[in-house]
C-alpha atoms as a PDB file:
ATOM      1  CA  MET A   1      -0.047   0.211   0.226  1.00  0.00           C
ATOM      2  CA  TRP A   2       2.935   2.350   0.848  1.00  0.00           C
ATOM      3  CA  ALA A   3       4.723   1.665  -2.466  1.00  0.00           C
ATOM      4  CA  GLU A   4       1.274   2.338  -3.659  1.00  0.00           C
ATOM      5  CA  GLY A   5       1.605   5.519  -2.372  1.00  0.00           C
ATOM      6  CA  VAL A   6       4.827   6.777  -3.231  1.00  0.00           C
ATOM      7  CA  LEU A   7       4.449   5.502  -6.798  1.00  0.00           C
ATOM      8  CA  LEU A   8       0.927   7.868  -7.171  1.00  0.00           C
ATOM      9  CA  LEU A   9       3.508  10.363  -5.542  1.00  0.00           C
ATOM     10  CA  HIS A  10       6.346  10.113  -8.584  1.00  0.00           C
ATOM     11  CA  LEU A  11       4.017  10.454 -11.015  1.00  0.00           C
ATOM     12  CA  ALA A  12       2.666  13.493  -9.364  1.00  0.00           C
ATOM     13  CA  PHE A  13       6.066  15.037  -9.512  1.00  0.00           C
ATOM     14  CA  ILE A  14       6.989  13.747 -12.769  1.00  0.00           C
ATOM     15  CA  LEU A  15       3.933  16.149 -14.258  1.00  0.00           C
ATOM     16  CA  PHE A  16       4.351  19.146 -11.811  1.00  0.00           C
ATOM     17  CA  ALA A  17       8.135  18.536 -12.972  1.00  0.00           C
ATOM     18  CA  VAL A  18       6.825  19.072 -16.738  1.00  0.00           C
ATOM     19  CA  PHE A  19       3.625  20.834 -16.430  1.00  0.00           C
ATOM     20  CA  GLY A  20       3.959  22.785 -13.009  1.00  0.00           C
ATOM     21  CA  GLY A  21       4.667  25.930 -14.828  1.00  0.00           C
ATOM     22  CA  ALA A  22       1.328  26.439 -15.766  1.00  0.00           C
ATOM     23  CA  LEU A  23       0.592  26.472 -12.198  1.00  0.00           C
ATOM     24  CA  ALA A  24       2.306  29.934 -11.964  1.00  0.00           C
ATOM     25  CA  ALA A  25      -0.751  31.195 -14.026  1.00  0.00           C
ATOM     26  CA  ARG A  26      -3.112  30.900 -10.388  1.00  0.00           C
ATOM     27  CA  TRP A  27      -0.154  31.329  -8.078  1.00  0.00           C
ATOM     28  CA  ARG A  28       3.328  33.633  -8.493  1.00  0.00           C
ATOM     29  CA  TRP A  29       4.948  31.777  -5.914  1.00  0.00           C
ATOM     30  CA  MET A  30       4.360  28.536  -7.701  1.00  0.00           C
ATOM     31  CA  PRO A  31       7.988  29.390 -10.011  1.00  0.00           C
ATOM     32  CA  LEU A  32       9.717  28.237  -6.346  1.00  0.00           C
ATOM     33  CA  VAL A  33       8.419  25.466  -6.162  1.00  0.00           C
ATOM     34  CA  HIS A  34       8.000  24.329  -9.821  1.00  0.00           C
ATOM     35  CA  LEU A  35      11.765  25.730 -10.988  1.00  0.00           C
ATOM     36  CA  PRO A  36      13.464  23.596  -8.511  1.00  0.00           C
ATOM     37  CA  ALA A  37      11.457  20.724  -9.021  1.00  0.00           C
ATOM     38  CA  ALA A  38      11.834  20.626 -12.934  1.00  0.00           C
ATOM     39  CA  ALA A  39      15.874  21.442 -12.326  1.00  0.00           C
ATOM     40  CA  TRP A  40      15.703  18.258 -10.383  1.00  0.00           C
ATOM     41  CA  ALA A  41      13.824  16.353 -13.199  1.00  0.00           C
ATOM     42  CA  ILE A  42      15.770  16.955 -15.907  1.00  0.00           C
ATOM     43  CA  PHE A  43      19.630  16.370 -13.425  1.00  0.00           C
ATOM     44  CA  ILE A  44      17.948  12.896 -13.243  1.00  0.00           C
ATOM     45  CA  GLU A  45      17.707  12.198 -16.826  1.00  0.00           C
ATOM     46  CA  LEU A  46      20.591  13.710 -17.944  1.00  0.00           C
ATOM     47  CA  THR A  47      23.211  12.045 -15.105  1.00  0.00           C
ATOM     48  CA  GLY A  48      21.393   8.713 -15.887  1.00  0.00           C
ATOM     49  CA  ARG A  49      20.430   8.353 -12.416  1.00  0.00           C
ATOM     50  CA  ILE A  50      17.644   6.720 -10.316  1.00  0.00           C
ATOM     51  CA  CYS A  51      15.334   8.982  -8.762  1.00  0.00           C
ATOM     52  CA  PRO A  52      15.613   8.287  -4.637  1.00  0.00           C
ATOM     53  CA  LEU A  53      11.601   8.067  -4.714  1.00  0.00           C
ATOM     54  CA  THR A  54      11.810   4.479  -7.123  1.00  0.00           C
ATOM     55  CA  ASP A  55      14.492   3.102  -4.416  1.00  0.00           C
ATOM     56  CA  LEU A  56      12.111   3.649  -1.694  1.00  0.00           C
ATOM     57  CA  GLU A  57       9.298   2.609  -3.480  1.00  0.00           C
ATOM     58  CA  ASN A  58      11.277  -0.653  -4.053  1.00  0.00           C
ATOM     59  CA  TYR A  59      12.231  -0.497  -0.164  1.00  0.00           C
ATOM     60  CA  LEU A  60       8.525  -0.490   0.661  1.00  0.00           C
ATOM     61  CA  ARG A  61       7.591  -3.370  -1.768  1.00  0.00           C
ATOM     62  CA  LEU A  62      10.285  -5.448  -0.867  1.00  0.00           C
ATOM     63  CA  ARG A  63       9.540  -4.857   3.164  1.00  0.00           C
ATOM     64  CA  ALA A  64       5.852  -5.665   1.972  1.00  0.00           C
ATOM     65  CA  GLY A  65       7.104  -9.203   0.212  1.00  0.00           C
ATOM     66  CA  GLN A  66       6.740  -8.008  -3.140  1.00  0.00           C
ATOM     67  CA  THR A  67       9.601  -7.933  -5.745  1.00  0.00           C
ATOM     68  CA  GLY A  68      10.840  -4.760  -6.852  1.00  0.00           C
ATOM     69  CA  TYR A  69      12.466  -2.806  -9.548  1.00  0.00           C
ATOM     70  CA  THR A  70      15.924  -2.419 -10.651  1.00  0.00           C
ATOM     71  CA  GLU A  71      15.400  -0.007 -13.837  1.00  0.00           C
ATOM     72  CA  SER A  72      14.208   3.946 -13.034  1.00  0.00           C
ATOM     73  CA  PHE A  73      10.353   4.602 -12.470  1.00  0.00           C
ATOM     74  CA  VAL A  74      10.293   5.807 -16.167  1.00  0.00           C
ATOM     75  CA  GLN A  75      12.026   2.594 -17.351  1.00  0.00           C
ATOM     76  CA  HIS A  76       9.473   0.377 -15.406  1.00  0.00           C
ATOM     77  CA  TYR A  77       5.951   2.301 -15.533  1.00  0.00           C
ATOM     78  CA  LEU A  78       6.286   4.437 -18.659  1.00  0.00           C
ATOM     79  CA  LEU A  79       8.385   3.489 -21.144  1.00  0.00           C
ATOM     80  CA  ALA A  80       6.634   0.338 -21.884  1.00  0.00           C
ATOM     81  CA  VAL A  81       3.691   2.984 -22.835  1.00  0.00           C
ATOM     82  CA  ILE A  82       5.724   5.579 -24.167  1.00  0.00           C
ATOM     83  CA  TYR A  83       9.024   3.826 -25.759  1.00  0.00           C
ATOM     84  CA  PRO A  84       8.034   0.368 -26.192  1.00  0.00           C
ATOM     85  CA  ALA A  85      11.754  -0.522 -27.429  1.00  0.00           C
ATOM     86  CA  GLY A  86      13.744   0.841 -23.836  1.00  0.00           C
ATOM     87  CA  LEU A  87      14.870   3.636 -22.509  1.00  0.00           C
ATOM     88  CA  THR A  88      18.396   4.574 -23.956  1.00  0.00           C
ATOM     89  CA  ARG A  89      20.718   8.217 -23.209  1.00  0.00           C
ATOM     90  CA  GLU A  90      19.375   9.177 -26.210  1.00  0.00           C
ATOM     91  CA  LEU A  91      15.887   8.574 -25.049  1.00  0.00           C
ATOM     92  CA  GLN A  92      17.035  10.066 -21.425  1.00  0.00           C
ATOM     93  CA  TRP A  93      18.189  13.164 -23.542  1.00  0.00           C
ATOM     94  CA  LEU A  94      14.957  13.561 -25.063  1.00  0.00           C
ATOM     95  CA  LEU A  95      13.150  13.367 -22.363  1.00  0.00           C
ATOM     96  CA  ALA A  96      14.624  16.319 -20.118  1.00  0.00           C
ATOM     97  CA  ALA A  97      14.200  18.295 -23.501  1.00  0.00           C
ATOM     98  CA  THR A  98      11.091  17.809 -23.483  1.00  0.00           C
ATOM     99  CA  VAL A  99      10.952  19.145 -19.811  1.00  0.00           C
ATOM    100  CA  VAL A 100      12.862  22.130 -20.904  1.00  0.00           C
ATOM    101  CA  VAL A 101      10.874  22.394 -23.725  1.00  0.00           C
ATOM    102  CA  VAL A 102       8.043  22.411 -21.977  1.00  0.00           C
ATOM    103  CA  ASN A 103       8.596  24.691 -19.594  1.00  0.00           C
ATOM    104  CA  ILE A 104       9.947  27.409 -21.556  1.00  0.00           C
ATOM    105  CA  ALA A 105       7.416  27.548 -23.396  1.00  0.00           C
ATOM    106  CA  ILE A 106       4.740  27.457 -20.257  1.00  0.00           C
ATOM    107  CA  TYR A 107       7.020  30.400 -18.792  1.00  0.00           C
ATOM    108  CA  ALA A 108       7.284  32.180 -22.216  1.00  0.00           C
ATOM    109  CA  TRP A 109       3.540  32.510 -22.433  1.00  0.00           C
ATOM    110  CA  LEU A 110       3.390  33.382 -18.720  1.00  0.00           C
ATOM    111  CA  VAL A 111       5.446  36.459 -19.132  1.00  0.00           C
ATOM    112  CA  LEU A 112       3.924  37.284 -22.746  1.00  0.00           C
ATOM    113  CA  ARG A 113      -0.037  37.296 -21.306  1.00  0.00           C
ATOM    114  CA  ARG A 114       1.192  39.521 -18.021  1.00  0.00           C
ATOM    115  CA  PRO A 115      -0.624  43.230 -19.344  1.00  0.00           C
ATOM    116  CA  ALA A 116       2.156  46.040 -19.353  1.00  0.00           C
ATOM    117  CA  ARG A 117       2.305  48.218 -17.045  1.00  0.00           C
ATOM    118  CA  PRO A 118       1.587  52.011 -17.541  1.00  0.00           C
ATOM    119  CA  ARG A 119       5.112  53.868 -17.620  1.00  0.00           C
ATOM    120  CA  ASP A 120       5.103  57.032 -15.678  1.00  0.00           C
ATOM    121  CA  VAL A 121       5.666  59.699 -17.709  1.00  0.00           C
END
């Protein structure tokens, strides 16, 4: 049960890292939380490391008598759906680039949609 909770938290984190910038349209403080999360996701993908949430989920599964998995969360749960051939370093770079591009687009949209402030004359 706890492992499934970590799994859902991990999925929520990934979605937040990719699309969380859109929440800044509602809450001006959101970039203070979102940008470090997106940076962490990009770092994990670019360095080929495994997220600590994957280790925590595996630990909880092993404690519950289930089997863990050796690959990353993305490889184990999402890759089979998105990229059936398997995760390569090139795909990891592509995933990181996707996070960057989506977030640049979201933040550019936020900046461009703000009304211009009147200039002092």
